[in-house]
Amino acid sequence: MQQPIFDGLQTKHRTSKAQLKLLKVDNSLSQLKRAIDLEQNIAKNSLSNALLNLDVQESNTELAREVFETTKKKYEAGVGSSLELIQADTELQRAQGAYFQALYDCYIARIALNKSLGKL
């Protein structure tokens, strides 16, 4: 039976190579975990911002509605002009559009959060 005494450090190199592969896999796993955590934090912040924006747009819509109603009453009483009424109506429609856009953004942010949490 013959067994070589010196193998040219092949065993040592194979062991080092395997350890490097293991380290690479560990680093990849760690990077993936950080990426998932980052995605979840971004989704939570986006939802929070979208909800805040929705509240602001709801307030703006209510204010525009009040201005429109006041302007309408002034116009009906003969104190206001039709131009004021048209401008108030335009602003109300613009505020309503912004509100619906904010509502849509909330739904999108909620879906993104559920996706990042693995619920979809």
Protein backbone atom coordinates (compact mmCIF):
# COMPACT_ATOMS: atom_id res chain seq x y z
CA MET A 1 0.00 0.00 0.00
CA GLN A 2 1.34 3.34 -1.03
CA GLN A 3 0.16 6.66 0.26
CA PRO A 4 1.84 9.88 -0.72
CA ILE A 5 3.30 11.81 2.15
CA PHE A 6 3.07 15.20 0.41
CA ASP A 7 -0.02 15.96 -1.69
CA GLY A 8 1.06 19.41 -2.92
CA LEU A 9 -1.19 21.18 -0.37
CA GLN A 10 -4.31 20.15 -2.33
CA THR A 11 -6.25 19.28 0.82
CA LYS A 12 -5.42 22.62 2.40
CA HIS A 13 -6.50 24.51 -0.73
CA ARG A 14 -9.76 22.54 -1.01
CA THR A 15 -10.49 23.27 2.64
CA SER A 16 -9.72 26.97 2.19
CA LYS A 17 -11.87 27.08 -0.93
CA ALA A 18 -14.79 25.44 0.90
CA GLN A 19 -14.43 27.88 3.79
CA LEU A 20 -14.47 30.82 1.37
CA LYS A 21 -17.62 29.46 -0.30
CA LEU A 22 -19.26 29.14 3.10
CA LEU A 23 -18.26 32.70 3.99
CA LYS A 24 -19.64 33.91 0.65
CA VAL A 25 -22.98 32.19 1.30
CA ASP A 26 -23.13 33.68 4.80
CA ASN A 27 -22.44 37.15 3.41
CA SER A 28 -25.10 36.71 0.74
CA LEU A 29 -27.62 35.61 3.35
CA SER A 30 -26.76 38.57 5.57
CA GLN A 31 -27.08 40.96 2.63
CA LEU A 32 -30.47 39.47 1.71
CA LYS A 33 -31.73 39.89 5.29
CA ARG A 34 -30.62 43.55 5.29
CA ALA A 35 -32.31 44.12 1.92
CA ILE A 36 -35.57 42.63 3.20
CA ASP A 37 -35.43 44.76 6.35
CA LEU A 38 -34.75 47.85 4.26
CA GLU A 39 -37.67 47.08 1.95
CA GLN A 40 -39.98 46.64 4.94
CA ASN A 41 -38.83 49.93 6.51
CA ILE A 42 -39.30 51.77 3.23
CA ALA A 43 -42.78 50.27 2.82
CA LYS A 44 -43.76 51.25 6.38
CA ASN A 45 -42.51 54.80 5.89
CA SER A 46 -44.28 55.07 2.53
CA LEU A 47 -47.56 53.96 4.08
CA SER A 48 -47.14 56.38 6.96
CA ASN A 49 -46.43 59.26 4.57
CA ALA A 50 -49.34 58.26 2.34
CA LEU A 51 -51.73 58.26 5.31
CA LEU A 52 -50.49 61.69 6.40
CA ASN A 53 -50.95 62.99 2.87
CA LEU A 54 -54.45 61.51 2.78
CA ASP A 55 -55.36 63.41 5.95
CA VAL A 56 -54.02 66.65 4.48
CA GLN A 57 -55.89 66.14 1.22
CA GLU A 58 -59.09 65.34 3.10
CA SER A 59 -58.76 68.61 5.02
CA ASN A 60 -58.06 70.48 1.78
CA THR A 61 -61.15 68.96 0.18
CA GLU A 62 -63.33 69.98 3.11
CA LEU A 63 -61.94 73.51 3.00
CA ALA A 64 -62.51 73.73 -0.77
CA ARG A 65 -66.07 72.46 -0.27
CA GLU A 66 -66.74 75.12 2.38
CA VAL A 67 -65.30 77.85 0.13
CA PHE A 68 -67.43 76.62 -2.77
CA GLU A 69 -70.60 76.58 -0.65
CA THR A 70 -69.88 80.09 0.64
CA THR A 71 -69.16 81.36 -2.86
CA LYS A 72 -72.32 79.70 -4.15
CA LYS A 73 -74.40 81.43 -1.48
CA LYS A 74 -72.77 84.77 -2.31
CA TYR A 75 -73.51 84.24 -6.01
CA GLU A 76 -77.14 83.28 -5.32
CA ALA A 77 -77.52 86.39 -3.16
CA GLY A 78 -76.15 88.50 -6.00
CA VAL A 79 -73.03 89.56 -4.10
CA GLY A 80 -70.51 87.29 -5.82
CA SER A 81 -69.56 86.90 -9.47
CA SER A 82 -69.90 83.86 -11.67
CA LEU A 83 -66.11 83.88 -12.13
CA GLU A 84 -65.64 83.40 -8.37
CA LEU A 85 -68.10 80.53 -8.45
CA ILE A 86 -66.31 78.86 -11.37
CA GLN A 87 -62.93 79.30 -9.66
CA ALA A 88 -64.24 77.84 -6.40
CA ASP A 89 -65.75 74.90 -8.29
CA THR A 90 -62.47 74.33 -10.12
CA GLU A 91 -60.53 74.35 -6.85
CA LEU A 92 -63.01 71.92 -5.31
CA GLN A 93 -62.60 69.52 -8.23
CA ARG A 94 -58.81 69.86 -8.03
CA ALA A 95 -58.90 69.12 -4.28
CA GLN A 96 -61.13 66.10 -4.84
CA GLY A 97 -58.75 64.81 -7.51
CA ALA A 98 -55.80 65.20 -5.14
CA TYR A 99 -57.75 63.38 -2.43
CA PHE A 100 -58.49 60.43 -4.72
CA GLN A 101 -54.84 60.34 -5.80
CA ALA A 102 -53.78 60.27 -2.13
CA LEU A 103 -56.27 57.47 -1.48
CA TYR A 104 -54.84 55.52 -4.40
CA ASP A 105 -51.31 56.08 -3.08
CA CYS A 106 -52.42 54.69 0.30
CA TYR A 107 -53.69 51.52 -1.33
CA ILE A 108 -50.47 51.12 -3.30
CA ALA A 109 -48.36 51.67 -0.16
CA ARG A 110 -50.46 49.15 1.78
CA ILE A 111 -49.98 46.55 -0.95
CA ALA A 112 -46.24 47.22 -0.99
CA LEU A 113 -46.11 46.75 2.79
CA ASN A 114 -48.03 43.48 2.61
CA LYS A 115 -45.71 42.32 -0.16
CA SER A 116 -42.61 43.17 1.87
CA LEU A 117 -44.03 41.30 4.86
CA GLY A 118 -44.74 38.26 2.70
CA LYS A 119 -48.52 38.44 3.05
CA LEU A 120 -49.18 38.51 -0.71
